[in-house]
Protein backbone atom coordinates (compact mmCIF):
# COMPACT_ATOMS: atom_id res chain seq x y z
CA UNK A 1 114.42 111.45 96.22
CA UNK A 2 114.32 107.75 95.42
CA UNK A 3 110.64 107.00 96.02
CA UNK A 4 111.38 103.26 96.09
CA UNK A 5 113.22 103.63 99.38
CA UNK A 6 110.74 105.86 101.21
CA UNK A 7 107.67 105.06 103.20
CA UNK A 8 104.31 106.33 102.02
CA UNK A 9 104.33 108.92 104.81
CA UNK A 10 107.70 110.24 103.69
CA UNK A 11 106.60 110.27 100.08
CA UNK A 12 103.51 112.34 100.89
CA UNK A 13 105.70 114.83 102.77
CA UNK A 14 108.04 114.94 99.78
CA UNK A 15 105.11 115.70 97.45
CA UNK A 16 103.88 118.42 99.82
CA UNK A 17 107.35 119.96 99.80
CA UNK A 18 107.22 119.90 95.98
CA UNK A 19 104.00 121.91 96.00
CA UNK A 20 101.26 119.26 95.99
CA UNK A 21 98.87 120.37 98.73
CA UNK A 22 96.64 117.40 99.47
CA UNK A 23 93.63 118.06 101.70
CA UNK A 24 93.12 115.71 104.64
CA UNK A 25 90.31 113.89 102.82
CA UNK A 26 92.68 113.06 99.91
CA UNK A 27 95.31 111.76 102.31
CA UNK A 28 92.67 109.70 104.03
CA UNK A 29 91.55 108.32 100.66
CA UNK A 30 95.14 107.41 99.72
CA UNK A 31 95.42 105.35 102.90
CA UNK A 32 91.96 103.91 102.36
CA UNK A 33 93.16 102.71 98.95
CA UNK A 34 96.20 101.17 100.53
CA UNK A 35 94.13 99.29 103.10
CA UNK A 36 91.36 98.37 100.60
CA UNK A 37 93.78 96.82 98.08
CA UNK A 38 96.59 95.72 100.43
CA UNK A 39 98.96 97.14 97.80
CA UNK A 40 102.67 97.62 98.36
CA UNK A 41 103.94 101.12 99.13
CA UNK A 42 105.76 101.13 95.81
CA UNK A 43 102.57 100.48 93.84
CA UNK A 44 100.67 103.02 95.98
CA UNK A 45 103.29 105.70 95.21
CA UNK A 46 103.26 104.79 91.53
CA UNK A 47 99.47 105.03 91.48
CA UNK A 48 99.63 108.48 93.04
CA UNK A 49 102.25 109.64 90.51
CA UNK A 50 100.40 108.21 87.52
CA UNK A 51 97.11 109.67 88.75
CA UNK A 52 98.68 113.14 89.05
CA UNK A 53 100.43 112.86 85.66
CA UNK A 54 97.37 111.69 83.74
CA UNK A 55 94.56 113.52 85.53
CA UNK A 56 96.53 116.73 86.39
CA UNK A 57 95.12 116.52 89.94
CA UNK A 58 94.24 113.78 92.41
CA UNK A 59 91.25 111.77 91.18
CA UNK A 60 90.24 109.25 93.83
CA UNK A 61 88.27 106.94 91.57
CA UNK A 62 91.08 106.84 89.02
CA UNK A 63 93.61 106.12 91.81
CA UNK A 64 91.50 103.25 93.21
CA UNK A 65 91.00 101.83 89.73
CA UNK A 66 94.76 101.85 89.17
CA UNK A 67 95.38 100.12 92.53
CA UNK A 68 92.77 97.45 91.80
CA UNK A 69 94.31 96.83 88.36
CA UNK A 70 97.83 96.67 89.80
CA UNK A 71 96.63 94.14 92.38
CA UNK A 72 94.77 92.05 89.81
CA UNK A 73 97.84 92.01 87.53
CA UNK A 74 100.28 91.35 90.42
CA UNK A 75 102.07 94.66 89.88
CA UNK A 76 104.05 95.49 92.97
CA UNK A 77 106.87 97.76 91.88
CA UNK A 78 107.06 101.25 90.39
CA UNK A 79 108.88 99.85 87.33
CA UNK A 80 106.13 97.27 86.72
CA UNK A 81 103.43 99.93 87.15
CA UNK A 82 105.03 102.30 84.65
CA UNK A 83 105.67 99.49 82.18
CA UNK A 84 102.01 98.51 82.37
CA UNK A 85 100.54 102.01 81.96
CA UNK A 86 102.83 102.65 78.98
CA UNK A 87 101.77 99.35 77.40
CA UNK A 88 98.11 100.30 77.63
CA UNK A 89 98.79 103.82 76.33
CA UNK A 90 97.98 105.72 79.48
CA UNK A 91 101.42 107.37 79.42
CA UNK A 92 103.74 107.85 76.45
CA UNK A 93 106.38 105.15 75.92
């Protein structure tokens, strides 16, 4: 699946189908983060992916922190998000 071309709803269904069982409160928090930061769907999906990869589960405060950082740094695409987190050493290059 090309996550750049899917809506956030479709992406969450995709993750569920891959075995990530998010409780309703987590899904609500994901949408809260979207509304709170007015972030693009691409950066929301990247923040979810990066949160899962680095924290091994969904960590709401980490997710919100990523979204706030992406917004502050004008990061709107998945590519920009991954470039940034690699630059700061959050994920391997």
